[in-house]
PDB file of N, CA and C in Angstrom:
ATOM      1  N   MET A   1       5.777 -14.268  -6.289  1.00  0.00           N
ATOM      2  CA  MET A   1       6.114 -13.109  -7.003  1.00  0.00           C
ATOM      3  C   MET A   1       6.802 -12.165  -6.059  1.00  0.00           C
ATOM      4  N   SER A   2       7.811 -11.515  -6.438  1.00  0.00           N
ATOM      5  CA  SER A   2       8.480 -10.568  -5.553  1.00  0.00           C
ATOM      6  C   SER A   2       7.936  -9.155  -5.766  1.00  0.00           C
ATOM      7  N   PHE A   3       8.038  -8.282  -4.810  1.00  0.00           N
ATOM      8  CA  PHE A   3       7.538  -6.956  -4.841  1.00  0.00           C
ATOM      9  C   PHE A   3       8.316  -6.181  -5.931  1.00  0.00           C
ATOM     10  N   PRO A   4       7.574  -5.290  -6.713  1.00  0.00           N
ATOM     11  CA  PRO A   4       8.169  -4.657  -7.844  1.00  0.00           C
ATOM     12  C   PRO A   4       9.128  -3.519  -7.418  1.00  0.00           C
ATOM     13  N   HIS A   5       9.807  -3.062  -8.374  1.00  0.00           N
ATOM     14  CA  HIS A   5      10.730  -1.951  -8.182  1.00  0.00           C
ATOM     15  C   HIS A   5       9.929  -0.751  -7.587  1.00  0.00           C
ATOM     16  N   ILE A   6      10.442  -0.133  -6.573  1.00  0.00           N
ATOM     17  CA  ILE A   6       9.821   0.974  -5.918  1.00  0.00           C
ATOM     18  C   ILE A   6      10.539   2.324  -6.464  1.00  0.00           C
ATOM     19  N   ASN A   7       9.728   3.268  -6.839  1.00  0.00           N
ATOM     20  CA  ASN A   7      10.376   4.612  -7.228  1.00  0.00           C
ATOM     21  C   ASN A   7      10.363   5.583  -5.954  1.00  0.00           C
ATOM     22  N   PHE A   8      11.428   6.140  -5.707  1.00  0.00           N
ATOM     23  CA  PHE A   8      11.680   6.831  -4.521  1.00  0.00           C
ATOM     24  C   PHE A   8      11.771   8.377  -4.869  1.00  0.00           C
ATOM     25  N   LYS A   9      11.167   9.227  -4.012  1.00  0.00           N
ATOM     26  CA  LYS A   9      11.441  10.655  -4.130  1.00  0.00           C
ATOM     27  C   LYS A   9      11.769  11.274  -2.775  1.00  0.00           C
ATOM     28  N   PHE A  10      12.705  12.084  -2.791  1.00  0.00           N
ATOM     29  CA  PHE A  10      13.170  12.678  -1.424  1.00  0.00           C
ATOM     30  C   PHE A  10      12.973  14.236  -1.553  1.00  0.00           C
ATOM     31  N   THR A  11      12.213  14.790  -0.674  1.00  0.00           N
ATOM     32  CA  THR A  11      11.926  16.243  -0.643  1.00  0.00           C
ATOM     33  C   THR A  11      12.510  16.725   0.697  1.00  0.00           C
ATOM     34  N   ASN A  12      13.413  17.862   0.667  1.00  0.00           N
ATOM     35  CA  ASN A  12      13.985  18.457   1.775  1.00  0.00           C
ATOM     36  C   ASN A  12      14.767  17.507   2.657  1.00  0.00           C
ATOM     37  N   THR A  13      15.200  16.438   2.119  1.00  0.00           N
ATOM     38  CA  THR A  13      16.006  15.563   2.826  1.00  0.00           C
ATOM     39  C   THR A  13      16.967  14.764   1.846  1.00  0.00           C
ATOM     40  N   SER A  14      18.045  14.135   2.352  1.00  0.00           N
ATOM     41  CA  SER A  14      18.967  13.521   1.561  1.00  0.00           C
ATOM     42  C   SER A  14      18.513  12.112   1.256  1.00  0.00           C
ATOM     43  N   THR A  15      19.090  11.550   0.154  1.00  0.00           N
ATOM     44  CA  THR A  15      18.877  10.137  -0.052  1.00  0.00           C
ATOM     45  C   THR A  15      19.408   9.180   0.969  1.00  0.00           C
ATOM     46  N   ASP A  16      18.572   8.353   1.499  1.00  0.00           N
ATOM     47  CA  ASP A  16      19.186   7.442   2.667  1.00  0.00           C
ATOM     48  C   ASP A  16      18.832   5.960   2.204  1.00  0.00           C
ATOM     49  N   GLU A  17      19.912   5.236   2.018  1.00  0.00           N
ATOM     50  CA  GLU A  17      19.676   3.852   1.665  1.00  0.00           C
ATOM     51  C   GLU A  17      19.091   3.011   2.702  1.00  0.00           C
ATOM     52  N   GLY A  18      19.283   3.295   3.908  1.00  0.00           N
ATOM     53  CA  GLY A  18      18.628   2.724   5.010  1.00  0.00           C
ATOM     54  C   GLY A  18      17.166   2.843   4.992  1.00  0.00           C
ATOM     55  N   LEU A  19      16.610   4.018   4.632  1.00  0.00           N
ATOM     56  CA  LEU A  19      15.242   4.169   4.537  1.00  0.00           C
ATOM     57  C   LEU A  19      14.593   3.304   3.413  1.00  0.00           C
ATOM     58  N   GLN A  20      15.309   3.289   2.268  1.00  0.00           N
ATOM     59  CA  GLN A  20      14.911   2.493   1.192  1.00  0.00           C
ATOM     60  C   GLN A  20      14.912   1.083   1.452  1.00  0.00           C
ATOM     61  N   ASP A  21      15.844   0.536   2.201  1.00  0.00           N
ATOM     62  CA  ASP A  21      15.770  -0.894   2.435  1.00  0.00           C
ATOM     63  C   ASP A  21      14.713  -1.138   3.529  1.00  0.00           C
ATOM     64  N   LEU A  22      14.589  -0.195   4.392  1.00  0.00           N
ATOM     65  CA  LEU A  22      13.287  -0.370   5.463  1.00  0.00           C
ATOM     66  C   LEU A  22      12.029  -0.375   4.716  1.00  0.00           C
ATOM     67  N   ILE A  23      11.776   0.546   3.833  1.00  0.00           N
ATOM     68  CA  ILE A  23      10.487   0.528   3.211  1.00  0.00           C
ATOM     69  C   ILE A  23      10.230  -0.627   2.275  1.00  0.00           C
ATOM     70  N   GLU A  24      11.379  -1.097   1.628  1.00  0.00           N
ATOM     71  CA  GLU A  24      11.229  -2.341   0.788  1.00  0.00           C
ATOM     72  C   GLU A  24      10.888  -3.572   1.536  1.00  0.00           C
ATOM     73  N   GLN A  25      11.604  -3.533   2.725  1.00  0.00           N
ATOM     74  CA  GLN A  25      11.276  -4.779   3.752  1.00  0.00           C
ATOM     75  C   GLN A  25       9.894  -4.702   4.254  1.00  0.00           C
ATOM     76  N   LYS A  26       9.351  -3.591   4.641  1.00  0.00           N
ATOM     77  CA  LYS A  26       8.006  -3.353   5.072  1.00  0.00           C
ATOM     78  C   LYS A  26       6.974  -3.668   4.056  1.00  0.00           C
ATOM     79  N   LEU A  27       7.188  -3.230   2.872  1.00  0.00           N
ATOM     80  CA  LEU A  27       6.118  -3.560   1.827  1.00  0.00           C
ATOM     81  C   LEU A  27       6.168  -4.870   1.242  1.00  0.00           C
ATOM     82  N   HIS A  28       7.264  -5.589   1.420  1.00  0.00           N
ATOM     83  CA  HIS A  28       7.339  -6.903   0.928  1.00  0.00           C
ATOM     84  C   HIS A  28       6.227  -7.829   1.659  1.00  0.00           C
ATOM     85  N   SER A  29       5.880  -7.482   2.912  1.00  0.00           N
ATOM     86  CA  SER A  29       4.856  -8.228   3.650  1.00  0.00           C
ATOM     87  C   SER A  29       3.410  -8.079   2.989  1.00  0.00           C
ATOM     88  N   LEU A  30       3.342  -7.147   2.001  1.00  0.00           N
ATOM     89  CA  LEU A  30       2.097  -7.039   1.314  1.00  0.00           C
ATOM     90  C   LEU A  30       1.897  -7.932   0.117  1.00  0.00           C
ATOM     91  N   ASP A  31       2.917  -8.693  -0.306  1.00  0.00           N
ATOM     92  CA  ASP A  31       2.998  -9.653  -1.298  1.00  0.00           C
ATOM     93  C   ASP A  31       1.713 -10.545  -1.328  1.00  0.00           C
ATOM     94  N   LYS A  32       1.191 -11.030  -0.154  1.00  0.00           N
ATOM     95  CA  LYS A  32       0.188 -11.992   0.027  1.00  0.00           C
ATOM     96  C   LYS A  32      -1.145 -11.451  -0.614  1.00  0.00           C
ATOM     97  N   TYR A  33      -1.270 -10.051  -0.721  1.00  0.00           N
ATOM     98  CA  TYR A  33      -2.448  -9.514  -1.221  1.00  0.00           C
ATOM     99  C   TYR A  33      -2.388  -9.132  -2.784  1.00  0.00           C
ATOM    100  N   LEU A  34      -1.185  -9.352  -3.287  1.00  0.00           N
ATOM    101  CA  LEU A  34      -0.928  -8.790  -4.626  1.00  0.00           C
ATOM    102  C   LEU A  34      -1.018  -9.964  -5.606  1.00  0.00           C
ATOM    103  N   GLY A  35      -0.676 -11.166  -5.352  1.00  0.00           N
ATOM    104  CA  GLY A  35      -0.722 -12.351  -6.192  1.00  0.00           C
ATOM    105  C   GLY A  35       0.155 -12.003  -7.503  1.00  0.00           C
ATOM    106  N   GLU A  36      -0.448 -12.284  -8.729  1.00  0.00           N
ATOM    107  CA  GLU A  36       0.210 -12.080  -9.993  1.00  0.00           C
ATOM    108  C   GLU A  36      -0.247 -10.901 -10.674  1.00  0.00           C
ATOM    109  N   SER A  37      -0.345  -9.840  -9.881  1.00  0.00           N
ATOM    110  CA  SER A  37      -0.900  -8.493 -10.384  1.00  0.00           C
ATOM    111  C   SER A  37       0.163  -7.590 -10.959  1.00  0.00           C
ATOM    112  N   THR A  38      -0.269  -6.608 -11.757  1.00  0.00           N
ATOM    113  CA  THR A  38       0.656  -5.668 -12.240  1.00  0.00           C
ATOM    114  C   THR A  38       0.694  -4.547 -11.225  1.00  0.00           C
ATOM    115  N   VAL A  39       1.902  -4.284 -10.628  1.00  0.00           N
ATOM    116  CA  VAL A  39       2.021  -3.408  -9.527  1.00  0.00           C
ATOM    117  C   VAL A  39       3.003  -2.294  -9.769  1.00  0.00           C
ATOM    118  N   LEU A  40       2.716  -1.094  -9.512  1.00  0.00           N
ATOM    119  CA  LEU A  40       3.616   0.053  -9.544  1.00  0.00           C
ATOM    120  C   LEU A  40       3.568   0.701  -8.192  1.00  0.00           C
ATOM    121  N   CYS A  41       4.759   1.016  -7.703  1.00  0.00           N
ATOM    122  CA  CYS A  41       4.855   1.683  -6.431  1.00  0.00           C
ATOM    123  C   CYS A  41       5.636   2.877  -6.324  1.00  0.00           C
ATOM    124  N   ASP A  42       5.266   3.989  -5.745  1.00  0.00           N
ATOM    125  CA  ASP A  42       5.937   5.260  -5.688  1.00  0.00           C
ATOM    126  C   ASP A  42       5.872   5.734  -4.107  1.00  0.00           C
ATOM    127  N   VAL A  43       7.072   6.048  -3.612  1.00  0.00           N
ATOM    128  CA  VAL A  43       7.197   6.429  -2.339  1.00  0.00           C
ATOM    129  C   VAL A  43       7.918   7.767  -2.136  1.00  0.00           C
ATOM    130  N   GLU A  44       7.371   8.652  -1.427  1.00  0.00           N
ATOM    131  CA  GLU A  44       7.973  10.031  -1.241  1.00  0.00           C
ATOM    132  C   GLU A  44       8.290  10.250   0.258  1.00  0.00           C
ATOM    133  N   PHE A  45       9.460  10.591   0.507  1.00  0.00           N
ATOM    134  CA  PHE A  45       9.947  10.979   1.872  1.00  0.00           C
ATOM    135  C   PHE A  45      10.132  12.530   1.790  1.00  0.00           C
ATOM    136  N   GLU A  46       9.527  13.150   2.840  1.00  0.00           N
ATOM    137  CA  GLU A  46       9.634  14.558   3.031  1.00  0.00           C
ATOM    138  C   GLU A  46       9.963  15.018   4.407  1.00  0.00           C
ATOM    139  N   LYS A  47      10.776  15.915   4.535  1.00  0.00           N
ATOM    140  CA  LYS A  47      10.957  16.519   5.898  1.00  0.00           C
ATOM    141  C   LYS A  47      10.267  17.884   5.853  1.00  0.00           C
ATOM    142  N   MET A  48       9.265  17.923   6.703  1.00  0.00           N
ATOM    143  CA  MET A  48       8.434  19.161   6.730  1.00  0.00           C
ATOM    144  C   MET A  48       9.305  20.302   7.320  1.00  0.00           C
ATOM    145  N   THR A  49       9.138  21.521   6.646  1.00  0.00           N
ATOM    146  CA  THR A  49       9.901  22.578   7.111  1.00  0.00           C
ATOM    147  C   THR A  49       8.940  23.704   7.928  1.00  0.00           C
ATOM    148  N   ALA A  50       9.485  24.551   8.584  1.00  0.00           N
ATOM    149  CA  ALA A  50       8.836  25.550   9.301  1.00  0.00           C
ATOM    150  C   ALA A  50       7.832  25.126  10.312  1.00  0.00           C
ATOM    151  N   GLN A  51       8.328  24.185  11.119  1.00  0.00           N
ATOM    152  CA  GLN A  51       7.522  23.784  12.332  1.00  0.00           C
ATOM    153  C   GLN A  51       7.812  24.416  13.476  1.00  0.00           C
ATOM    154  N   GLN A  52       6.832  24.612  14.426  1.00  0.00           N
ATOM    155  CA  GLN A  52       7.108  25.469  15.611  1.00  0.00           C
ATOM    156  C   GLN A  52       8.148  24.711  16.464  1.00  0.00           C
ATOM    157  N   HIS A  53       8.089  23.447  16.590  1.00  0.00           N
ATOM    158  CA  HIS A  53       9.134  22.802  17.434  1.00  0.00           C
ATOM    159  C   HIS A  53       9.408  21.312  16.784  1.00  0.00           C
ATOM    160  N   GLY A  54      10.520  20.837  16.836  1.00  0.00           N
ATOM    161  CA  GLY A  54      10.890  19.574  16.469  1.00  0.00           C
ATOM    162  C   GLY A  54      10.699  19.401  14.877  1.00  0.00           C
ATOM    163  N   ASP A  55      11.163  18.243  14.382  1.00  0.00           N
ATOM    164  CA  ASP A  55      11.127  17.915  13.089  1.00  0.00           C
ATOM    165  C   ASP A  55       9.901  17.041  12.822  1.00  0.00           C
ATOM    166  N   ILE A  56       9.252  17.129  11.635  1.00  0.00           N
ATOM    167  CA  ILE A  56       8.137  16.346  11.215  1.00  0.00           C
ATOM    168  C   ILE A  56       8.453  15.674   9.959  1.00  0.00           C
ATOM    169  N   PHE A  57       8.324  14.417  10.021  1.00  0.00           N
ATOM    170  CA  PHE A  57       8.785  13.648   8.746  1.00  0.00           C
ATOM    171  C   PHE A  57       7.479  12.995   8.086  1.00  0.00           C
ATOM    172  N   ARG A  58       7.424  13.095   6.807  1.00  0.00           N
ATOM    173  CA  ARG A  58       6.166  12.576   6.137  1.00  0.00           C
ATOM    174  C   ARG A  58       6.653  11.596   5.069  1.00  0.00           C
ATOM    175  N   VAL A  59       5.839  10.414   5.053  1.00  0.00           N
ATOM    176  CA  VAL A  59       5.978   9.514   4.040  1.00  0.00           C
ATOM    177  C   VAL A  59       4.694   9.259   3.282  1.00  0.00           C
ATOM    178  N   GLU A  60       4.759   9.304   1.991  1.00  0.00           N
ATOM    179  CA  GLU A  60       3.476   9.125   1.149  1.00  0.00           C
ATOM    180  C   GLU A  60       3.811   8.014   0.207  1.00  0.00           C
ATOM    181  N   THR A  61       2.838   7.126   0.085  1.00  0.00           N
ATOM    182  CA  THR A  61       2.936   5.859  -0.823  1.00  0.00           C
ATOM    183  C   THR A  61       1.731   5.711  -1.763  1.00  0.00           C
ATOM    184  N   ASN A  62       2.024   5.700  -3.063  1.00  0.00           N
ATOM    185  CA  ASN A  62       1.074   5.341  -4.020  1.00  0.00           C
ATOM    186  C   ASN A  62       1.325   3.952  -4.552  1.00  0.00           C
ATOM    187  N   LEU A  63       0.350   3.050  -4.322  1.00  0.00           N
ATOM    188  CA  LEU A  63       0.514   1.736  -4.831  1.00  0.00           C
ATOM    189  C   LEU A  63      -0.587   1.340  -5.914  1.00  0.00           C
ATOM    190  N   THR A  64      -0.242   1.154  -6.982  1.00  0.00           N
ATOM    191  CA  THR A  64      -1.179   0.862  -8.092  1.00  0.00           C
ATOM    192  C   THR A  64      -1.206  -0.596  -8.403  1.00  0.00           C
ATOM    193  N   VAL A  65      -2.349  -1.256  -8.104  1.00  0.00           N
ATOM    194  CA  VAL A  65      -2.353  -2.758  -8.425  1.00  0.00           C
ATOM    195  C   VAL A  65      -3.618  -2.898  -9.537  1.00  0.00           C
ATOM    196  N   ASP A  66      -3.117  -3.442 -10.679  1.00  0.00           N
ATOM    197  CA  ASP A  66      -4.044  -3.580 -11.828  1.00  0.00           C
ATOM    198  C   ASP A  66      -4.784  -2.492 -12.107  1.00  0.00           C
ATOM    199  N   GLY A  67      -4.282  -1.211 -12.013  1.00  0.00           N
ATOM    200  CA  GLY A  67      -5.041   0.032 -12.327  1.00  0.00           C
ATOM    201  C   GLY A  67      -5.807   0.518 -11.140  1.00  0.00           C
ATOM    202  N   LYS A  68      -5.836  -0.072 -10.091  1.00  0.00           N
ATOM    203  CA  LYS A  68      -6.503   0.545  -8.825  1.00  0.00           C
ATOM    204  C   LYS A  68      -5.467   1.179  -7.891  1.00  0.00           C
ATOM    205  N   LEU A  69      -5.750   2.301  -7.576  1.00  0.00           N
ATOM    206  CA  LEU A  69      -4.804   3.078  -6.686  1.00  0.00           C
ATOM    207  C   LEU A  69      -5.067   2.890  -5.210  1.00  0.00           C
ATOM    208  N   TYR A  70      -3.997   2.652  -4.422  1.00  0.00           N
ATOM    209  CA  TYR A  70      -4.121   2.644  -3.051  1.00  0.00           C
ATOM    210  C   TYR A  70      -3.122   3.628  -2.560  1.00  0.00           C
ATOM    211  N   ARG A  71      -3.611   4.502  -1.724  1.00  0.00           N
ATOM    212  CA  ARG A  71      -2.675   5.558  -1.245  1.00  0.00           C
ATOM    213  C   ARG A  71      -2.724   5.712   0.262  1.00  0.00           C
ATOM    214  N   ALA A  72      -1.504   5.932   0.779  1.00  0.00           N
ATOM    215  CA  ALA A  72      -1.446   6.131   2.170  1.00  0.00           C
ATOM    216  C   ALA A  72      -0.279   7.200   2.558  1.00  0.00           C
ATOM    217  N   ASP A  73      -0.507   7.880   3.552  1.00  0.00           N
ATOM    218  CA  ASP A  73       0.548   8.773   3.944  1.00  0.00           C
ATOM    219  C   ASP A  73       0.468   8.984   5.502  1.00  0.00           C
ATOM    220  N   ALA A  74       1.527   9.386   6.088  1.00  0.00           N
ATOM    221  CA  ALA A  74       1.709   9.590   7.473  1.00  0.00           C
ATOM    222  C   ALA A  74       2.782  10.520   7.730  1.00  0.00           C
ATOM    223  N   SER A  75       2.465  11.369   8.892  1.00  0.00           N
ATOM    224  CA  SER A  75       3.527  12.346   9.225  1.00  0.00           C
ATOM    225  C   SER A  75       3.717  12.087  10.774  1.00  0.00           C
ATOM    226  N   MET A  76       5.011  11.676  11.025  1.00  0.00           N
ATOM    227  CA  MET A  76       5.416  11.437  12.438  1.00  0.00           C
ATOM    228  C   MET A  76       6.733  12.144  12.792  1.00  0.00           C
ATOM    229  N   GLU A  77       7.263  11.832  14.031  1.00  0.00           N
ATOM    230  CA  GLU A  77       8.492  12.536  14.461  1.00  0.00           C
ATOM    231  C   GLU A  77       9.645  11.799  13.830  1.00  0.00           C
ATOM    232  N   ASN A  78       9.566  10.675  13.194  1.00  0.00           N
ATOM    233  CA  ASN A  78      10.738  10.146  12.502  1.00  0.00           C
ATOM    234  C   ASN A  78      10.221   9.241  11.297  1.00  0.00           C
ATOM    235  N   PHE A  79      11.042   8.965  10.349  1.00  0.00           N
ATOM    236  CA  PHE A  79      10.726   8.320   9.193  1.00  0.00           C
ATOM    237  C   PHE A  79      10.276   6.876   9.518  1.00  0.00           C
ATOM    238  N   GLU A  80      10.859   6.204  10.463  1.00  0.00           N
ATOM    239  CA  GLU A  80      10.667   4.804  10.884  1.00  0.00           C
ATOM    240  C   GLU A  80       9.144   4.687  11.195  1.00  0.00           C
ATOM    241  N   LYS A  81       8.722   5.453  12.047  1.00  0.00           N
ATOM    242  CA  LYS A  81       7.276   5.493  12.568  1.00  0.00           C
ATOM    243  C   LYS A  81       6.380   5.707  11.545  1.00  0.00           C
ATOM    244  N   ALA A  82       6.645   6.713  10.644  1.00  0.00           N
ATOM    245  CA  ALA A  82       5.921   7.080   9.495  1.00  0.00           C
ATOM    246  C   ALA A  82       5.728   5.873   8.481  1.00  0.00           C
ATOM    247  N   ILE A  83       6.806   5.126   8.263  1.00  0.00           N
ATOM    248  CA  ILE A  83       6.887   3.993   7.436  1.00  0.00           C
ATOM    249  C   ILE A  83       5.875   2.988   8.032  1.00  0.00           C
ATOM    250  N   ASP A  84       5.994   2.637   9.280  1.00  0.00           N
ATOM    251  CA  ASP A  84       5.144   1.713   9.949  1.00  0.00           C
ATOM    252  C   ASP A  84       3.630   2.107   9.831  1.00  0.00           C
ATOM    253  N   GLU A  85       3.226   3.356   9.961  1.00  0.00           N
ATOM    254  CA  GLU A  85       1.912   3.757   9.770  1.00  0.00           C
ATOM    255  C   GLU A  85       1.509   3.608   8.336  1.00  0.00           C
ATOM    256  N   VAL A  86       2.250   3.896   7.303  1.00  0.00           N
ATOM    257  CA  VAL A  86       1.995   3.763   5.984  1.00  0.00           C
ATOM    258  C   VAL A  86       1.702   2.273   5.712  1.00  0.00           C
ATOM    259  N   ARG A  87       2.562   1.447   6.139  1.00  0.00           N
ATOM    260  CA  ARG A  87       2.418   0.119   5.814  1.00  0.00           C
ATOM    261  C   ARG A  87       1.173  -0.476   6.396  1.00  0.00           C
ATOM    262  N   ASP A  88       0.656  -0.098   7.642  1.00  0.00           N
ATOM    263  CA  ASP A  88      -0.446  -0.502   8.223  1.00  0.00           C
ATOM    264  C   ASP A  88      -1.762  -0.009   7.392  1.00  0.00           C
ATOM    265  N   GLU A  89      -1.685   1.192   7.030  1.00  0.00           N
ATOM    266  CA  GLU A  89      -2.736   1.831   6.133  1.00  0.00           C
ATOM    267  C   GLU A  89      -2.969   1.040   4.908  1.00  0.00           C
ATOM    268  N   LEU A  90      -1.837   0.724   4.160  1.00  0.00           N
ATOM    269  CA  LEU A  90      -1.867   0.010   2.925  1.00  0.00           C
ATOM    270  C   LEU A  90      -2.380  -1.481   3.280  1.00  0.00           C
ATOM    271  N   ASP A  91      -1.880  -2.081   4.211  1.00  0.00           N
ATOM    272  CA  ASP A  91      -2.413  -3.395   4.593  1.00  0.00           C
ATOM    273  C   ASP A  91      -3.902  -3.444   4.807  1.00  0.00           C
ATOM    274  N   LYS A  92      -4.383  -2.491   5.484  1.00  0.00           N
ATOM    275  CA  LYS A  92      -5.855  -2.435   5.739  1.00  0.00           C
ATOM    276  C   LYS A  92      -6.606  -2.222   4.467  1.00  0.00           C
ATOM    277  N   GLU A  93      -6.180  -1.298   3.637  1.00  0.00           N
ATOM    278  CA  GLU A  93      -6.826  -1.098   2.425  1.00  0.00           C
ATOM    279  C   GLU A  93      -6.916  -2.462   1.445  1.00  0.00           C
ATOM    280  N   LEU A  94      -5.676  -3.049   1.400  1.00  0.00           N
ATOM    281  CA  LEU A  94      -5.480  -4.244   0.498  1.00  0.00           C
ATOM    282  C   LEU A  94      -6.309  -5.313   1.058  1.00  0.00           C
ATOM    283  N   ARG A  95      -6.386  -5.532   2.397  1.00  0.00           N
ATOM    284  CA  ARG A  95      -7.230  -6.585   2.935  1.00  0.00           C
ATOM    285  C   ARG A  95      -8.661  -6.380   2.733  1.00  0.00           C
ATOM    286  N   ARG A  96      -9.071  -5.060   2.920  1.00  0.00           N
ATOM    287  CA  ARG A  96     -10.449  -4.748   2.611  1.00  0.00           C
ATOM    288  C   ARG A  96     -10.929  -5.075   1.149  1.00  0.00           C
ATOM    289  N   ALA A  97     -10.082  -4.793   0.178  1.00  0.00           N
ATOM    290  CA  ALA A  97     -10.266  -4.939  -1.145  1.00  0.00           C
ATOM    291  C   ALA A  97     -10.438  -6.299  -1.470  1.00  0.00           C
ATOM    292  N   SER A  98      -9.413  -7.084  -0.923  1.00  0.00           N
ATOM    293  CA  SER A  98      -9.438  -8.451  -1.195  1.00  0.00           C
ATOM    294  C   SER A  98     -10.690  -9.315  -0.571  1.00  0.00           C
ATOM    295  N   GLY A  99     -11.101  -8.864   0.425  1.00  0.00           N
ATOM    296  CA  GLY A  99     -12.359  -9.265   1.099  1.00  0.00           C
ATOM    297  C   GLY A  99     -13.597  -9.037   0.270  1.00  0.00           C
ATOM    298  N   LYS A 100     -13.677  -7.719  -0.268  1.00  0.00           N
ATOM    299  CA  LYS A 100     -14.627  -7.465  -1.217  1.00  0.00           C
ATOM    300  C   LYS A 100     -14.677  -8.310  -2.536  1.00  0.00           C
ATOM    301  N   ARG A 101     -13.546  -8.450  -3.083  1.00  0.00           N
ATOM    302  CA  ARG A 101     -13.331  -9.260  -4.253  1.00  0.00           C
ATOM    303  C   ARG A 101     -13.851 -10.802  -3.976  1.00  0.00           C
ATOM    304  N   GLU A 102     -13.442 -11.315  -2.899  1.00  0.00           N
ATOM    305  CA  GLU A 102     -13.880 -12.648  -2.540  1.00  0.00           C
ATOM    306  C   GLU A 102     -15.420 -12.736  -2.261  1.00  0.00           C
ATOM    307  N   THR A 103     -15.933 -11.748  -1.749  1.00  0.00           N
ATOM    308  CA  THR A 103     -17.410 -11.773  -1.425  1.00  0.00           C
ATOM    309  C   THR A 103     -18.122 -11.638  -2.806  1.00  0.00           C
ATOM    310  N   LEU A 104     -17.775 -10.835  -3.676  1.00  0.00           N
ATOM    311  CA  LEU A 104     -18.383 -10.767  -4.939  1.00  0.00           C
ATOM    312  C   LEU A 104     -18.255 -12.049  -5.722  1.00  0.00           C
ATOM    313  N   PHE A 105     -17.143 -12.648  -5.575  1.00  0.00           N
ATOM    314  CA  PHE A 105     -16.960 -13.873  -6.388  1.00  0.00           C
ATOM    315  C   PHE A 105     -17.946 -14.962  -5.802  1.00  0.00           C
ATOM    316  N   LYS A 106     -18.064 -15.128  -4.546  1.00  0.00           N
ATOM    317  CA  LYS A 106     -18.920 -16.133  -3.896  1.00  0.00           C
ATOM    318  C   LYS A 106     -20.369 -15.710  -4.207  1.00  0.00           C
ATOM    319  N   ARG A 107     -20.730 -14.490  -4.201  1.00  0.00           N
ATOM    320  CA  ARG A 107     -22.012 -14.034  -4.380  1.00  0.00           C
ATOM    321  C   ARG A 107     -22.502 -14.520  -5.961  1.00  0.00           C
ATOM    322  N   GLY A 108     -21.531 -14.266  -6.850  1.00  0.00           N
ATOM    323  CA  GLY A 108     -21.776 -14.565  -8.191  1.00  0.00           C
ATOM    324  C   GLY A 108     -21.966 -16.131  -8.365  1.00  0.00           C
ATOM    325  N   GLY A 109     -21.074 -16.881  -7.755  1.00  0.00           N
ATOM    326  CA  GLY A 109     -21.253 -18.265  -7.737  1.00  0.00           C
ATOM    327  C   GLY A 109     -22.617 -18.896  -7.169  1.00  0.00           C
ATOM    328  N   ARG A 110     -23.023 -18.214  -6.107  1.00  0.00           N
ATOM    329  CA  ARG A 110     -24.271 -18.646  -5.495  1.00  0.00           C
ATOM    330  C   ARG A 110     -25.381 -18.384  -6.527  1.00  0.00           C
ATOM    331  N   LYS A 111     -25.352 -17.146  -7.201  1.00  0.00           N
ATOM    332  CA  LYS A 111     -26.461 -16.864  -8.112  1.00  0.00           C
ATOM    333  C   LYS A 111     -26.544 -17.781  -9.219  1.00  0.00           C
ATOM    334  N   ILE A 112     -25.275 -18.144  -9.836  1.00  0.00           N
ATOM    335  CA  ILE A 112     -25.356 -19.145 -10.911  1.00  0.00           C
ATOM    336  C   ILE A 112     -25.752 -20.431 -10.563  1.00  0.00           C
ATOM    337  N   LYS A 113     -25.517 -21.015  -9.298  1.00  0.00           N
ATOM    338  CA  LYS A 113     -25.921 -22.241  -8.777  1.00  0.00           C
ATOM    339  C   LYS A 113     -27.510 -22.061  -8.619  1.00  0.00           C
ATOM    340  N   GLU A 114     -27.966 -21.020  -8.065  1.00  0.00           N
ATOM    341  CA  GLU A 114     -29.505 -20.873  -7.906  1.00  0.00           C
ATOM    342  C   GLU A 114     -30.146 -20.849  -9.270  1.00  0.00           C
ATOM    343  N   MET A 115     -29.579 -20.256 -10.292  1.00  0.00           N
ATOM    344  CA  MET A 115     -30.209 -20.247 -11.592  1.00  0.00           C
ATOM    345  C   MET A 115     -30.140 -21.685 -12.229  1.00  0.00           C
ATOM    346  N   LEU A 116     -29.095 -22.465 -11.994  1.00  0.00           N
ATOM    347  CA  LEU A 116     -28.964 -23.823 -12.519  1.00  0.00           C
ATOM    348  C   LEU A 116     -30.022 -24.687 -11.863  1.00  0.00           C
ATOM    349  N   ARG A 117     -30.195 -24.495 -10.567  1.00  0.00           N
ATOM    350  CA  ARG A 117     -30.955 -25.370  -9.718  1.00  0.00           C
ATOM    351  C   ARG A 117     -32.409 -25.205 -10.128  1.00  0.00           C
ATOM    352  N   PHE A 118     -32.912 -24.095 -10.353  1.00  0.00           N
ATOM    353  CA  PHE A 118     -34.379 -23.699 -10.506  1.00  0.00           C
ATOM    354  C   PHE A 118     -34.601 -23.449 -12.170  1.00  0.00           C
ATOM    355  N   GLY A 119     -33.615 -23.697 -12.959  1.00  0.00           N
ATOM    356  CA  GLY A 119     -33.819 -23.634 -14.423  1.00  0.00           C
ATOM    357  C   GLY A 119     -34.158 -22.269 -14.915  1.00  0.00           C
ATOM    358  N   GLN A 120     -33.770 -21.215 -14.374  1.00  0.00           N
ATOM    359  CA  GLN A 120     -34.045 -19.945 -14.874  1.00  0.00           C
ATOM    360  C   GLN A 120     -32.947 -19.453 -15.841  1.00  0.00           C
TER     361      GLN A 120
END
């Protein structure tokens, strides 16, 4: 399965095709956790204003997988670093959810086997 269409929003910054390509490339590595799920993805790029010094760039991602929302945001000194941080957060959340799902499946199988073994 290929990663779904990503909805982009730009706040206080111009539309940048390079950023769109970069985020698509980074998020495609999350395909291994998605499988054949229904996936919606929204990404917001924002340049924070009124900082004391330097520019602060923020990236926020909302990834909905089969109705469950995974959200990550990061504020860094450039968009590329913020994108890397967001990708790492989503990877961590999806990996954890996948592990929980597998554990529950195994626990259920053990319970069924136990019931069949002892005739309950």
